[in-house]
Amino acid sequence: MDHLSPAQVEQLQAKLRAEASALQASLAGQADALAAAEAPDPRDIEDAAAEEAGSFRAAQLRERERARLAEVEAALARIDDGDYGVCEDTGEDIPFRRLELEPTARLTVEAQEQREGEAGVDDPHANEPVGY
């Protein structure tokens, strides 16, 4: 983390905290909406099917937001531990510009491309953006 200035770390930490707060608020709002939702009339098959489809989409969104929140919280923990901004594969510094664009980045662009090349293009775990 030595390659980042205190001001840069502070900027990235603020960005991560803001995103964490927004995700937590969204997840709380979804939980409230889910609790308040009325069950569809079981005699109306079309309404029940539409409700089930909506519930499925909402569950997918909640899962994506939970996963992203976990990434953000892990990045904040790396800042606290002093491991932030260091590539997990190579130990090289992750450039500030990459962290600025994706503050949860755990790999340099080169290491990310290496992982994607080894795993194939359709790797579901290769979800970190590349190119900055």
N, C-alpha and C. Protein backbone atom coordinates (compact mmCIF):
# COMPACT_ATOMS: atom_id res chain seq x y z
N MET A 1 0.83 -1.19 0.00
CA MET A 1 0.00 0.00 0.00
C MET A 1 0.87 1.25 0.00
N ASP A 2 2.18 1.04 0.02
CA ASP A 2 3.10 2.18 0.06
C ASP A 2 3.06 3.03 -1.19
N HIS A 3 2.59 2.46 -2.31
CA HIS A 3 2.55 3.23 -3.56
C HIS A 3 1.38 4.20 -3.61
N LEU A 4 0.48 4.11 -2.65
CA LEU A 4 -0.66 5.01 -2.59
C LEU A 4 -0.42 6.07 -1.53
N SER A 5 -0.75 7.31 -1.87
CA SER A 5 -0.60 8.38 -0.89
C SER A 5 -1.74 8.28 0.13
N PRO A 6 -1.57 8.86 1.29
CA PRO A 6 -2.67 8.86 2.27
C PRO A 6 -3.95 9.47 1.70
N ALA A 7 -3.82 10.48 0.87
CA ALA A 7 -5.00 11.11 0.26
C ALA A 7 -5.69 10.14 -0.70
N GLN A 8 -4.90 9.38 -1.44
CA GLN A 8 -5.49 8.40 -2.36
C GLN A 8 -6.21 7.30 -1.59
N VAL A 9 -5.59 6.81 -0.53
CA VAL A 9 -6.21 5.77 0.29
C VAL A 9 -7.52 6.31 0.89
N GLU A 10 -7.48 7.52 1.36
CA GLU A 10 -8.67 8.13 1.95
C GLU A 10 -9.78 8.26 0.90
N GLN A 11 -9.43 8.68 -0.30
CA GLN A 11 -10.40 8.81 -1.39
C GLN A 11 -11.03 7.45 -1.71
N LEU A 12 -10.21 6.43 -1.84
CA LEU A 12 -10.72 5.10 -2.17
C LEU A 12 -11.56 4.53 -1.03
N GLN A 13 -11.13 4.76 0.19
CA GLN A 13 -11.87 4.28 1.35
C GLN A 13 -13.24 4.96 1.43
N ALA A 14 -13.30 6.24 1.15
CA ALA A 14 -14.58 6.96 1.16
C ALA A 14 -15.50 6.41 0.08
N LYS A 15 -14.94 6.14 -1.08
CA LYS A 15 -15.73 5.59 -2.18
C LYS A 15 -16.30 4.22 -1.80
N LEU A 16 -15.47 3.38 -1.19
CA LEU A 16 -15.91 2.06 -0.76
C LEU A 16 -16.99 2.16 0.34
N ARG A 17 -16.79 3.04 1.28
CA ARG A 17 -17.78 3.20 2.36
C ARG A 17 -19.12 3.69 1.81
N ALA A 18 -19.08 4.61 0.87
CA ALA A 18 -20.31 5.10 0.26
C ALA A 18 -21.04 3.98 -0.47
N GLU A 19 -20.29 3.16 -1.20
CA GLU A 19 -20.91 2.05 -1.91
C GLU A 19 -21.49 1.04 -0.92
N ALA A 20 -20.76 0.76 0.15
CA ALA A 20 -21.25 -0.18 1.16
C ALA A 20 -22.55 0.33 1.77
N SER A 21 -22.61 1.61 2.09
CA SER A 21 -23.83 2.19 2.66
C SER A 21 -25.00 2.08 1.70
N ALA A 22 -24.75 2.37 0.44
CA ALA A 22 -25.82 2.30 -0.57
C ALA A 22 -26.31 0.86 -0.73
N LEU A 23 -25.40 -0.09 -0.75
CA LEU A 23 -25.80 -1.50 -0.87
C LEU A 23 -26.57 -1.96 0.35
N GLN A 24 -26.12 -1.58 1.53
CA GLN A 24 -26.82 -1.96 2.76
C GLN A 24 -28.23 -1.37 2.77
N ALA A 25 -28.37 -0.13 2.36
CA ALA A 25 -29.69 0.50 2.31
C ALA A 25 -30.59 -0.19 1.31
N SER A 26 -30.05 -0.53 0.16
CA SER A 26 -30.83 -1.23 -0.87
C SER A 26 -31.29 -2.59 -0.36
N LEU A 27 -30.38 -3.33 0.25
CA LEU A 27 -30.74 -4.66 0.77
C LEU A 27 -31.78 -4.55 1.88
N ALA A 28 -31.67 -3.54 2.74
CA ALA A 28 -32.65 -3.35 3.80
C ALA A 28 -34.01 -2.99 3.21
N GLY A 29 -34.02 -2.14 2.19
CA GLY A 29 -35.27 -1.78 1.54
C GLY A 29 -35.92 -2.97 0.86
N GLN A 30 -35.11 -3.81 0.26
CA GLN A 30 -35.66 -5.01 -0.38
C GLN A 30 -36.23 -5.96 0.66
N ALA A 31 -35.57 -6.07 1.80
CA ALA A 31 -36.07 -6.95 2.86
C ALA A 31 -37.41 -6.43 3.38
N ASP A 32 -37.52 -5.12 3.54
CA ASP A 32 -38.78 -4.53 4.00
C ASP A 32 -39.89 -4.76 2.98
N ALA A 33 -39.58 -4.59 1.71
CA ALA A 33 -40.58 -4.79 0.65
C ALA A 33 -41.01 -6.25 0.59
N LEU A 34 -40.07 -7.14 0.78
CA LEU A 34 -40.39 -8.56 0.77
C LEU A 34 -41.30 -8.93 1.93
N ALA A 35 -41.02 -8.35 3.09
CA ALA A 35 -41.84 -8.63 4.26
C ALA A 35 -43.25 -8.07 4.11
N ALA A 36 -43.38 -6.96 3.41
CA ALA A 36 -44.67 -6.31 3.25
C ALA A 36 -45.48 -6.86 2.07
N ALA A 37 -44.85 -7.64 1.23
CA ALA A 37 -45.53 -8.15 0.04
C ALA A 37 -46.65 -9.11 0.42
N GLU A 38 -47.74 -8.96 -0.30
CA GLU A 38 -48.88 -9.84 -0.08
C GLU A 38 -48.76 -11.05 -1.00
N ALA A 39 -49.16 -12.17 -0.49
CA ALA A 39 -49.15 -13.39 -1.30
C ALA A 39 -50.25 -13.28 -2.36
N PRO A 40 -49.96 -13.72 -3.59
CA PRO A 40 -50.99 -13.66 -4.63
C PRO A 40 -52.09 -14.67 -4.35
N ASP A 41 -53.23 -14.41 -4.91
CA ASP A 41 -54.36 -15.33 -4.78
C ASP A 41 -53.98 -16.63 -5.47
N PRO A 42 -53.91 -17.74 -4.73
CA PRO A 42 -53.47 -19.00 -5.34
C PRO A 42 -54.42 -19.50 -6.43
N ARG A 43 -55.61 -18.95 -6.50
CA ARG A 43 -56.55 -19.37 -7.54
C ARG A 43 -56.26 -18.71 -8.88
N ASP A 44 -55.47 -17.63 -8.87
CA ASP A 44 -55.14 -16.93 -10.11
C ASP A 44 -53.73 -17.35 -10.55
N ILE A 45 -53.66 -18.29 -11.45
CA ILE A 45 -52.40 -18.88 -11.88
C ILE A 45 -51.49 -17.85 -12.54
N GLU A 46 -52.05 -16.97 -13.35
CA GLU A 46 -51.23 -15.96 -14.03
C GLU A 46 -50.60 -15.00 -13.03
N ASP A 47 -51.37 -14.55 -12.05
CA ASP A 47 -50.82 -13.66 -11.03
C ASP A 47 -49.74 -14.37 -10.22
N ALA A 48 -49.99 -15.62 -9.89
CA ALA A 48 -49.01 -16.39 -9.12
C ALA A 48 -47.72 -16.56 -9.92
N ALA A 49 -47.83 -16.83 -11.22
CA ALA A 49 -46.65 -17.00 -12.07
C ALA A 49 -45.88 -15.69 -12.19
N ALA A 50 -46.59 -14.59 -12.37
CA ALA A 50 -45.94 -13.29 -12.47
C ALA A 50 -45.24 -12.94 -11.16
N GLU A 51 -45.89 -13.23 -10.05
CA GLU A 51 -45.30 -12.97 -8.74
C GLU A 51 -44.04 -13.81 -8.54
N GLU A 52 -44.10 -15.07 -8.95
CA GLU A 52 -42.94 -15.94 -8.81
C GLU A 52 -41.78 -15.45 -9.67
N ALA A 53 -42.05 -15.01 -10.87
CA ALA A 53 -40.99 -14.49 -11.74
C ALA A 53 -40.38 -13.22 -11.13
N GLY A 54 -41.23 -12.35 -10.61
CA GLY A 54 -40.72 -11.14 -9.96
C GLY A 54 -39.88 -11.46 -8.73
N SER A 55 -40.31 -12.44 -7.98
CA SER A 55 -39.56 -12.86 -6.79
C SER A 55 -38.20 -13.43 -7.18
N PHE A 56 -38.17 -14.18 -8.26
CA PHE A 56 -36.91 -14.75 -8.74
C PHE A 56 -35.94 -13.65 -9.14
N ARG A 57 -36.41 -12.66 -9.89
CA ARG A 57 -35.56 -11.54 -10.31
C ARG A 57 -35.07 -10.76 -9.09
N ALA A 58 -35.95 -10.54 -8.13
CA ALA A 58 -35.56 -9.82 -6.92
C ALA A 58 -34.51 -10.60 -6.13
N ALA A 59 -34.66 -11.91 -6.08
CA ALA A 59 -33.69 -12.75 -5.37
C ALA A 59 -32.32 -12.69 -6.06
N GLN A 60 -32.33 -12.68 -7.39
CA GLN A 60 -31.07 -12.57 -8.14
C GLN A 60 -30.38 -11.23 -7.84
N LEU A 61 -31.17 -10.16 -7.83
CA LEU A 61 -30.62 -8.83 -7.53
C LEU A 61 -30.05 -8.80 -6.12
N ARG A 62 -30.79 -9.34 -5.15
CA ARG A 62 -30.30 -9.37 -3.77
C ARG A 62 -28.99 -10.14 -3.68
N GLU A 63 -28.90 -11.25 -4.37
CA GLU A 63 -27.67 -12.05 -4.32
C GLU A 63 -26.49 -11.30 -4.93
N ARG A 64 -26.72 -10.61 -6.05
CA ARG A 64 -25.64 -9.81 -6.66
C ARG A 64 -25.21 -8.70 -5.71
N GLU A 65 -26.19 -8.05 -5.08
CA GLU A 65 -25.85 -6.96 -4.16
C GLU A 65 -25.14 -7.49 -2.93
N ARG A 66 -25.53 -8.64 -2.42
CA ARG A 66 -24.83 -9.25 -1.27
C ARG A 66 -23.39 -9.58 -1.64
N ALA A 67 -23.20 -10.14 -2.83
CA ALA A 67 -21.85 -10.48 -3.28
C ALA A 67 -21.00 -9.22 -3.43
N ARG A 68 -21.56 -8.19 -4.01
CA ARG A 68 -20.82 -6.94 -4.18
C ARG A 68 -20.49 -6.33 -2.82
N LEU A 69 -21.44 -6.38 -1.89
CA LEU A 69 -21.19 -5.85 -0.54
C LEU A 69 -20.04 -6.62 0.11
N ALA A 70 -20.00 -7.92 -0.07
CA ALA A 70 -18.90 -8.72 0.47
C ALA A 70 -17.56 -8.29 -0.13
N GLU A 71 -17.54 -8.00 -1.44
CA GLU A 71 -16.32 -7.52 -2.10
C GLU A 71 -15.87 -6.18 -1.52
N VAL A 72 -16.84 -5.28 -1.33
CA VAL A 72 -16.53 -3.95 -0.81
C VAL A 72 -16.01 -4.07 0.63
N GLU A 73 -16.67 -4.87 1.44
CA GLU A 73 -16.22 -5.04 2.82
C GLU A 73 -14.84 -5.68 2.89
N ALA A 74 -14.56 -6.61 1.97
CA ALA A 74 -13.23 -7.23 1.93
C ALA A 74 -12.17 -6.19 1.56
N ALA A 75 -12.49 -5.30 0.64
CA ALA A 75 -11.55 -4.24 0.26
C ALA A 75 -11.29 -3.31 1.44
N LEU A 76 -12.34 -2.95 2.18
CA LEU A 76 -12.16 -2.11 3.37
C LEU A 76 -11.30 -2.82 4.41
N ALA A 77 -11.49 -4.12 4.55
CA ALA A 77 -10.67 -4.89 5.50
C ALA A 77 -9.20 -4.90 5.05
N ARG A 78 -8.96 -4.99 3.73
CA ARG A 78 -7.59 -4.96 3.23
C ARG A 78 -6.93 -3.61 3.51
N ILE A 79 -7.72 -2.54 3.44
CA ILE A 79 -7.18 -1.22 3.80
C ILE A 79 -6.77 -1.22 5.26
N ASP A 80 -7.64 -1.72 6.13
CA ASP A 80 -7.33 -1.76 7.56
C ASP A 80 -6.11 -2.62 7.86
N ASP A 81 -5.95 -3.71 7.09
CA ASP A 81 -4.82 -4.64 7.29
C ASP A 81 -3.53 -4.16 6.64
N GLY A 82 -3.63 -3.16 5.76
CA GLY A 82 -2.45 -2.68 5.05
C GLY A 82 -2.11 -3.49 3.81
N ASP A 83 -3.03 -4.36 3.38
CA ASP A 83 -2.80 -5.21 2.20
C ASP A 83 -3.47 -4.67 0.95
N TYR A 84 -4.13 -3.55 1.05
CA TYR A 84 -4.91 -3.00 -0.06
C TYR A 84 -3.99 -2.52 -1.17
N GLY A 85 -4.41 -2.75 -2.41
CA GLY A 85 -3.67 -2.24 -3.56
C GLY A 85 -2.50 -3.11 -3.97
N VAL A 86 -2.45 -4.33 -3.43
CA VAL A 86 -1.38 -5.26 -3.78
C VAL A 86 -2.02 -6.49 -4.44
N CYS A 87 -1.51 -6.87 -5.59
CA CYS A 87 -2.05 -7.99 -6.36
C CYS A 87 -1.92 -9.28 -5.56
N GLU A 88 -3.02 -10.00 -5.45
CA GLU A 88 -3.03 -11.26 -4.71
C GLU A 88 -2.21 -12.34 -5.39
N ASP A 89 -2.04 -12.28 -6.70
CA ASP A 89 -1.29 -13.30 -7.43
C ASP A 89 0.19 -12.99 -7.52
N THR A 90 0.53 -11.74 -7.79
CA THR A 90 1.92 -11.40 -8.09
C THR A 90 2.62 -10.62 -6.99
N GLY A 91 1.86 -10.01 -6.10
CA GLY A 91 2.45 -9.16 -5.07
C GLY A 91 2.83 -7.78 -5.58
N GLU A 92 2.53 -7.50 -6.84
CA GLU A 92 2.84 -6.19 -7.42
C GLU A 92 1.79 -5.17 -6.99
N ASP A 93 2.18 -3.91 -7.05
CA ASP A 93 1.26 -2.83 -6.74
C ASP A 93 0.19 -2.72 -7.82
N ILE A 94 -1.05 -2.53 -7.41
CA ILE A 94 -2.14 -2.26 -8.34
C ILE A 94 -2.18 -0.75 -8.53
N PRO A 95 -2.08 -0.27 -9.75
CA PRO A 95 -2.05 1.18 -9.98
C PRO A 95 -3.29 1.89 -9.43
N PHE A 96 -3.06 3.11 -8.96
CA PHE A 96 -4.15 3.92 -8.41
C PHE A 96 -5.29 4.06 -9.41
N ARG A 97 -4.98 4.28 -10.66
CA ARG A 97 -6.02 4.48 -11.68
C ARG A 97 -6.97 3.28 -11.73
N ARG A 98 -6.42 2.07 -11.65
CA ARG A 98 -7.25 0.86 -11.65
C ARG A 98 -8.11 0.82 -10.39
N LEU A 99 -7.52 1.14 -9.26
CA LEU A 99 -8.27 1.13 -8.00
C LEU A 99 -9.33 2.23 -7.99
N GLU A 100 -9.02 3.34 -8.60
CA GLU A 100 -9.97 4.44 -8.67
C GLU A 100 -11.21 4.02 -9.47
N LEU A 101 -10.99 3.28 -10.55
CA LEU A 101 -12.10 2.82 -11.38
C LEU A 101 -12.82 1.62 -10.77
N GLU A 102 -12.07 0.74 -10.11
CA GLU A 102 -12.64 -0.45 -9.47
C GLU A 102 -11.95 -0.64 -8.12
N PRO A 103 -12.47 0.03 -7.08
CA PRO A 103 -11.79 0.03 -5.78
C PRO A 103 -11.73 -1.33 -5.09
N THR A 104 -12.46 -2.32 -5.61
CA THR A 104 -12.38 -3.65 -5.01
C THR A 104 -11.37 -4.54 -5.74
N ALA A 105 -10.65 -4.00 -6.71
CA ALA A 105 -9.71 -4.80 -7.50
C ALA A 105 -8.70 -5.49 -6.59
N ARG A 106 -8.50 -6.78 -6.85
CA ARG A 106 -7.54 -7.57 -6.08
C ARG A 106 -6.36 -8.01 -6.91
N LEU A 107 -6.43 -7.74 -8.21
CA LEU A 107 -5.40 -8.18 -9.14
C LEU A 107 -5.00 -7.05 -10.07
N THR A 108 -3.76 -7.10 -10.54
CA THR A 108 -3.36 -6.20 -11.61
C THR A 108 -4.08 -6.64 -12.88
N VAL A 109 -4.10 -5.80 -13.87
CA VAL A 109 -4.74 -6.15 -15.14
C VAL A 109 -4.08 -7.40 -15.72
N GLU A 110 -2.76 -7.44 -15.67
CA GLU A 110 -2.04 -8.58 -16.23
C GLU A 110 -2.40 -9.88 -15.51
N ALA A 111 -2.47 -9.85 -14.20
CA ALA A 111 -2.82 -11.05 -13.43
C ALA A 111 -4.26 -11.46 -13.72
N GLN A 112 -5.14 -10.48 -13.85
CA GLN A 112 -6.53 -10.79 -14.17
C GLN A 112 -6.64 -11.44 -15.55
N GLU A 113 -5.92 -10.89 -16.52
CA GLU A 113 -5.93 -11.47 -17.86
C GLU A 113 -5.35 -12.88 -17.84
N GLN A 114 -4.33 -13.10 -17.03
CA GLN A 114 -3.73 -14.43 -16.90
C GLN A 114 -4.76 -15.42 -16.36
N ARG A 115 -5.48 -15.02 -15.32
CA ARG A 115 -6.52 -15.88 -14.75
C ARG A 115 -7.60 -16.20 -15.77
N GLU A 116 -8.03 -15.18 -16.48
CA GLU A 116 -9.07 -15.39 -17.47
C GLU A 116 -8.59 -16.28 -18.60
N GLY A 117 -7.33 -16.14 -18.99
CA GLY A 117 -6.77 -16.98 -20.04
C GLY A 117 -6.69 -18.43 -19.61
N GLU A 118 -6.33 -18.67 -18.35
CA GLU A 118 -6.25 -20.04 -17.84
C GLU A 118 -7.61 -20.67 -17.66
N ALA A 119 -8.58 -19.86 -17.27
CA ALA A 119 -9.91 -20.38 -16.98
C ALA A 119 -10.80 -20.43 -18.21
N GLY A 120 -10.47 -19.68 -19.22
CA GLY A 120 -11.33 -19.59 -20.40
C GLY A 120 -12.19 -18.35 -20.32
N VAL A 121 -12.72 -17.96 -21.43
CA VAL A 121 -13.49 -16.71 -21.52
C VAL A 121 -14.78 -16.78 -20.72
N ASP A 122 -15.41 -17.94 -20.64
CA ASP A 122 -16.71 -18.06 -19.99
C ASP A 122 -16.61 -18.36 -18.50
N ASP A 123 -15.50 -18.03 -17.86
CA ASP A 123 -15.32 -18.29 -16.44
C ASP A 123 -16.29 -17.44 -15.62
N PRO A 124 -17.21 -18.05 -14.86
CA PRO A 124 -18.16 -17.27 -14.07
C PRO A 124 -17.50 -16.54 -12.91
N HIS A 125 -16.28 -16.93 -12.55
CA HIS A 125 -15.58 -16.27 -11.44
C HIS A 125 -14.72 -15.11 -11.90
N ALA A 126 -14.61 -14.94 -13.18
CA ALA A 126 -13.81 -13.84 -13.73
C ALA A 126 -14.70 -12.62 -13.89
N ASN A 127 -15.12 -12.04 -12.77
CA ASN A 127 -16.10 -10.95 -12.81
C ASN A 127 -15.47 -9.59 -12.59
N GLU A 128 -14.17 -9.53 -12.48
CA GLU A 128 -13.53 -8.25 -12.24
C GLU A 128 -13.23 -7.59 -13.57
N PRO A 129 -13.62 -6.34 -13.75
CA PRO A 129 -13.38 -5.65 -15.02
C PRO A 129 -11.89 -5.55 -15.32
N VAL A 130 -11.55 -5.60 -16.58
CA VAL A 130 -10.18 -5.49 -17.04
C VAL A 130 -10.09 -4.32 -18.00
N GLY A 131 -8.93 -3.72 -18.10
CA GLY A 131 -8.75 -2.70 -19.11
C GLY A 131 -8.38 -1.36 -18.56
N TYR A 132 -8.09 -1.26 -17.29
CA TYR A 132 -7.63 0.02 -16.75
C TYR A 132 -6.50 -0.20 -15.82
